[in-house]
Amino acid sequence: MKVLLLKVASIIFAVSSLPSCSFFQPATPLSGATSQSKLEKVKPARAAWLGSLWSSAGSGQQGEGFLPAQVDLAVKASASTLPVDRYGRPTYHSESVRHRYVRTTSYSHQENEVGAEGRLNAMGTILKYGRVRSAAADWSRYPVGTAFRIKGLPQVYVVDDYGRSLAGTNTIDIYHPTLKLMRKWATRDVEINVIRWGSWEQSANLLRGRTKYAHCAMMYYATLAKIRRQRVAQAAEREAGNPSL
């Protein structure tokens, strides 16, 4: 009987002690200050970790709003088989290739370059820096009016200018309105997507009267040669499509 009473007493004691065990108690909420401080530490850390998945050291990303994203490895790989210019950047001969690996530089009207008319471009219009921005290039490679995007940036760039140092190269010069922005961009390789090709004929017409300048003459005659090749190719296509002629 004593044994039975002892067992009953031990059971009652065990049951009465259960609520004091942490397993059966709800988690004690953190105080307001402690909870808020921990959340503030966790959120930035998680954001930084997520950001690190999409970025790499030294590369500008789309979120920065100024510097471009990294060039896709596939674009670099496809460019590695092409001939290069004096800067070692690929020369694309086909307009069908719209995603391109390109060396870019930057310029500003504040450089007061000799021969440059203030903020006017080579077409005689105002250099643009908004949702649509101006760019300079060799017009025999990127004809006037060519529009493109730079990977990682929201703006559309339009080729409406050229430069002496650009002739004979695949470099695209990106316009910036201040020297500070120009220096921040500096020289960098980017991936572009050509969304509209400009006019070879308009390029030739604008350059025709400027051939006394060596760089303009180089672009003019190279543009004429490209126009002739295109006409020959178009004539061949027409003949292929009409074998009876």
Protein backbone atom coordinates (compact mmCIF):
# COMPACT_ATOMS: atom_id res chain seq x y z
CA MET A 1 0.00 0.00 0.00
CA LYS A 2 2.86 2.33 0.90
CA VAL A 3 4.49 1.59 -2.44
CA LEU A 4 1.27 2.45 -4.28
CA LEU A 5 0.89 5.74 -2.41
CA LEU A 6 4.52 6.65 -3.18
CA LYS A 7 3.98 6.00 -6.93
CA VAL A 8 0.80 8.14 -6.97
CA ALA A 9 2.61 10.96 -5.17
CA SER A 10 5.53 10.86 -7.63
CA ILE A 11 3.16 11.01 -10.63
CA ILE A 12 1.32 14.02 -9.14
CA PHE A 13 4.63 15.77 -8.50
CA ALA A 14 5.86 15.13 -12.07
CA VAL A 15 2.65 16.43 -13.65
CA SER A 16 2.64 19.53 -11.50
CA SER A 17 6.20 20.37 -12.58
CA LEU A 18 5.53 20.15 -16.38
CA PRO A 19 4.46 23.82 -16.92
CA SER A 20 7.81 24.98 -15.59
CA CYS A 21 9.65 23.11 -18.40
CA SER A 22 10.71 25.35 -21.28
CA PHE A 23 9.46 22.77 -23.82
CA PHE A 24 5.86 23.37 -22.77
CA GLN A 25 6.13 27.14 -22.43
CA PRO A 26 5.60 29.56 -25.34
CA ALA A 27 8.70 31.37 -26.57
CA THR A 28 9.26 34.55 -24.67
CA PRO A 29 9.03 37.47 -27.11
CA LEU A 30 11.98 39.78 -27.35
CA SER A 31 11.59 43.24 -25.98
CA GLY A 32 10.73 45.93 -28.52
CA ALA A 33 14.22 47.41 -28.66
CA THR A 34 16.00 44.04 -28.83
CA SER A 35 13.65 42.68 -31.51
CA GLN A 36 13.96 45.77 -33.68
CA SER A 37 17.76 45.87 -33.44
CA LYS A 38 18.09 42.20 -34.42
CA LEU A 39 15.77 42.66 -37.40
CA GLU A 40 17.74 45.68 -38.53
CA LYS A 41 20.92 43.58 -38.41
CA VAL A 42 19.42 40.64 -40.27
CA LYS A 43 17.76 42.53 -43.14
CA PRO A 44 20.86 44.33 -44.45
CA ALA A 45 22.93 41.18 -44.10
CA ARG A 46 20.40 39.18 -46.12
CA ALA A 47 20.14 41.94 -48.72
CA ALA A 48 23.92 41.99 -49.08
CA TRP A 49 24.02 38.23 -49.46
CA LEU A 50 21.32 38.25 -52.12
CA GLY A 51 23.10 41.05 -53.93
CA SER A 52 26.34 39.09 -53.92
CA LEU A 53 24.66 36.32 -55.88
CA TRP A 54 24.14 38.66 -58.82
CA SER A 55 27.18 40.88 -58.69
CA SER A 56 30.93 40.59 -58.55
CA ALA A 57 33.63 42.84 -57.21
CA GLY A 58 34.44 45.78 -59.44
CA SER A 59 31.49 45.42 -61.81
CA GLY A 60 28.73 48.00 -62.02
CA GLN A 61 25.26 46.55 -61.82
CA GLN A 62 21.91 47.78 -63.05
CA GLY A 63 20.86 48.87 -59.60
CA GLU A 64 23.63 51.47 -59.49
CA GLY A 65 22.02 53.39 -62.35
CA PHE A 66 25.31 54.55 -63.89
CA LEU A 67 27.75 51.72 -64.46
CA PRO A 68 26.98 48.79 -66.77
CA ALA A 69 26.51 45.14 -65.87
CA GLN A 70 29.05 42.43 -66.64
CA VAL A 71 29.40 41.19 -70.20
CA ASP A 72 27.78 37.82 -70.73
CA LEU A 73 30.37 35.05 -71.08
CA ALA A 74 28.66 33.71 -74.20
CA VAL A 75 28.98 37.13 -75.89
CA LYS A 76 32.68 37.22 -75.01
CA ALA A 77 33.19 33.68 -76.25
CA SER A 78 31.54 34.35 -79.62
CA ALA A 79 33.63 37.51 -80.02
CA SER A 80 36.89 35.67 -79.39
CA THR A 81 36.87 34.16 -82.89
CA LEU A 82 36.55 37.52 -84.70
CA PRO A 83 39.30 39.78 -86.07
CA VAL A 84 40.20 42.68 -83.79
CA ASP A 85 40.98 46.39 -84.06
CA ARG A 86 44.05 48.11 -82.65
CA TYR A 87 42.58 47.91 -79.17
CA GLY A 88 42.08 44.18 -79.41
CA ARG A 89 38.29 44.43 -79.57
CA PRO A 90 36.22 42.36 -82.01
CA THR A 91 35.23 43.59 -85.46
CA TYR A 92 31.71 42.48 -86.37
CA HIS A 93 31.08 42.26 -90.11
CA SER A 94 27.46 41.14 -89.97
CA GLU A 95 24.62 43.41 -88.87
CA SER A 96 22.72 40.31 -87.80
CA VAL A 97 24.91 40.15 -84.68
CA ARG A 98 23.20 42.60 -82.34
CA HIS A 99 24.60 41.56 -78.96
CA ARG A 100 28.17 42.80 -79.06
CA TYR A 101 31.25 43.02 -76.87
CA VAL A 102 32.44 46.62 -77.19
CA ARG A 103 35.12 48.87 -75.77
CA THR A 104 33.67 52.19 -74.65
CA THR A 105 35.25 55.47 -73.68
CA SER A 106 33.66 58.70 -72.49
CA TYR A 107 33.72 62.32 -73.54
CA SER A 108 32.18 65.65 -72.60
CA HIS A 109 31.68 68.98 -74.30
CA GLN A 110 33.39 70.48 -71.24
CA GLU A 111 36.71 69.14 -72.54
CA ASN A 112 36.59 72.04 -75.04
CA GLU A 113 38.17 69.86 -77.71
CA VAL A 114 39.51 71.71 -80.73
CA GLY A 115 36.98 71.59 -83.56
CA ALA A 116 34.06 70.68 -81.29
CA GLU A 117 31.28 73.27 -81.33
CA GLY A 118 30.15 73.49 -77.71
CA ARG A 119 27.41 70.97 -76.99
CA LEU A 120 26.69 70.32 -80.67
CA ASN A 121 27.25 66.89 -82.21
CA ALA A 122 28.52 66.09 -85.71
CA MET A 123 24.97 66.38 -87.05
CA GLY A 124 24.68 69.94 -85.77
CA THR A 125 22.12 69.09 -83.09
CA ILE A 126 22.37 69.19 -79.28
CA LEU A 127 24.14 66.30 -77.56
CA LYS A 128 21.57 64.34 -75.54
CA TYR A 129 21.76 63.13 -71.96
CA GLY A 130 18.40 61.90 -70.74
CA ARG A 131 16.39 58.77 -71.40
CA VAL A 132 18.00 58.96 -74.83
CA ARG A 133 21.73 59.71 -74.81
CA SER A 134 24.32 60.58 -77.41
CA ALA A 135 27.21 58.40 -78.44
CA ALA A 136 30.04 58.78 -80.94
CA ALA A 137 31.55 56.09 -83.16
CA ASP A 138 33.15 55.40 -86.51
CA TRP A 139 30.16 55.89 -88.82
CA SER A 140 31.44 53.22 -91.19
CA ARG A 141 30.94 50.69 -88.37
CA TYR A 142 27.98 52.18 -86.51
CA PRO A 143 26.16 54.49 -88.95
CA VAL A 144 24.51 57.68 -87.77
CA GLY A 145 21.15 56.95 -86.14
CA THR A 146 22.17 53.54 -84.77
CA ALA A 147 20.35 52.97 -81.46
CA PHE A 148 21.52 50.54 -78.79
CA ARG A 149 21.23 49.67 -75.13
CA ILE A 150 24.04 48.91 -72.73
CA LYS A 151 23.47 45.85 -70.57
CA GLY A 152 22.50 46.86 -67.05
CA LEU A 153 21.43 50.41 -67.93
CA PRO A 154 17.92 51.66 -68.80
CA GLN A 155 18.83 54.37 -71.32
CA VAL A 156 18.83 54.17 -75.10
CA TYR A 157 21.98 55.46 -76.79
CA VAL A 158 21.99 56.89 -80.30
CA VAL A 159 25.05 57.38 -82.50
CA ASP A 160 24.90 61.03 -83.56
CA ASP A 161 28.56 61.99 -83.27
CA TYR A 162 32.04 60.86 -84.27
CA GLY A 163 35.60 61.59 -83.19
CA ARG A 164 39.06 61.70 -84.67
CA SER A 165 40.39 58.94 -82.41
CA LEU A 166 37.41 56.67 -83.15
CA ALA A 167 38.02 56.35 -86.89
CA GLY A 168 39.19 52.85 -87.79
CA THR A 169 38.20 51.38 -84.41
CA ASN A 170 35.21 49.58 -82.93
CA THR A 171 35.15 51.84 -79.86
CA ILE A 172 31.99 53.70 -78.91
CA ASP A 173 32.39 57.01 -77.07
CA ILE A 174 29.64 57.68 -74.51
CA TYR A 175 28.67 61.32 -73.98
CA HIS A 176 28.52 62.81 -70.48
CA PRO A 177 27.61 66.43 -69.71
CA THR A 178 30.28 66.94 -67.02
CA LEU A 179 33.94 66.07 -66.62
CA LYS A 180 33.18 64.34 -63.32
CA LEU A 181 30.76 61.90 -64.96
CA MET A 182 33.10 61.47 -67.91
CA ARG A 183 35.96 60.45 -65.62
CA LYS A 184 33.72 58.16 -63.60
CA TRP A 185 32.83 56.19 -66.75
CA ALA A 186 36.42 56.31 -68.05
CA THR A 187 37.16 53.32 -70.32
CA ARG A 188 35.26 50.07 -69.87
CA ASP A 189 34.15 47.04 -71.84
CA VAL A 190 30.40 46.58 -72.12
CA GLU A 191 27.79 44.44 -73.81
CA ILE A 192 25.49 46.32 -76.15
CA ASN A 193 22.31 45.29 -77.89
CA VAL A 194 21.72 47.09 -81.19
CA ILE A 195 17.98 47.78 -81.39
CA ARG A 196 18.05 49.76 -84.64
CA TRP A 197 20.68 50.23 -87.30
CA GLY A 198 21.24 53.74 -88.63
CA SER A 199 21.60 54.85 -92.23
CA TRP A 200 24.77 54.23 -94.22
CA GLU A 201 23.52 56.61 -96.90
CA GLN A 202 22.92 59.43 -94.43
CA SER A 203 26.36 58.84 -92.94
CA ALA A 204 27.96 59.12 -96.39
CA ASN A 205 26.00 62.27 -97.22
CA LEU A 206 27.09 63.98 -94.02
CA LEU A 207 30.73 62.95 -94.45
CA ARG A 208 30.99 63.79 -98.16
CA GLY A 209 31.74 67.46 -97.59
CA ARG A 210 34.22 66.83 -94.78
CA THR A 211 36.76 64.61 -96.54
CA LYS A 212 39.49 67.24 -96.14
CA TYR A 213 39.79 65.85 -92.61
CA ALA A 214 41.65 62.53 -92.60
CA HIS A 215 39.33 60.77 -90.12
CA CYS A 216 36.23 61.89 -92.03
CA ALA A 217 37.75 60.72 -95.34
CA MET A 218 38.54 57.34 -93.78
CA MET A 219 34.95 56.91 -92.57
CA TYR A 220 33.47 58.24 -95.82
CA TYR A 221 35.27 55.85 -98.16
CA ALA A 222 34.75 52.89 -95.83
CA THR A 223 31.03 53.73 -95.72
CA LEU A 224 30.86 53.93 -99.53
CA ALA A 225 32.54 50.53 -99.79
CA LYS A 226 29.98 49.07 -97.38
CA ILE A 227 27.09 50.56 -99.37
CA ARG A 228 28.47 49.06 -102.58
CA ARG A 229 28.85 45.62 -100.97
CA GLN A 230 25.29 45.78 -99.71
CA ARG A 231 23.99 46.68 -103.16
CA VAL A 232 25.92 43.82 -104.74
CA ALA A 233 24.54 41.42 -102.13
CA GLN A 234 20.99 42.67 -102.65
CA ALA A 235 21.32 42.29 -106.42
CA ALA A 236 22.59 38.74 -105.98
CA GLU A 237 19.64 37.92 -103.74
CA ARG A 238 17.20 39.28 -106.31
CA GLU A 239 18.80 37.21 -109.05
CA ALA A 240 18.70 34.11 -106.87
CA GLY A 241 15.02 34.71 -106.25
CA ASN A 242 14.30 35.19 -109.97
CA PRO A 243 16.43 32.63 -111.83
CA SER A 244 14.52 33.25 -115.09
CA LEU A 245 15.87 36.81 -115.34
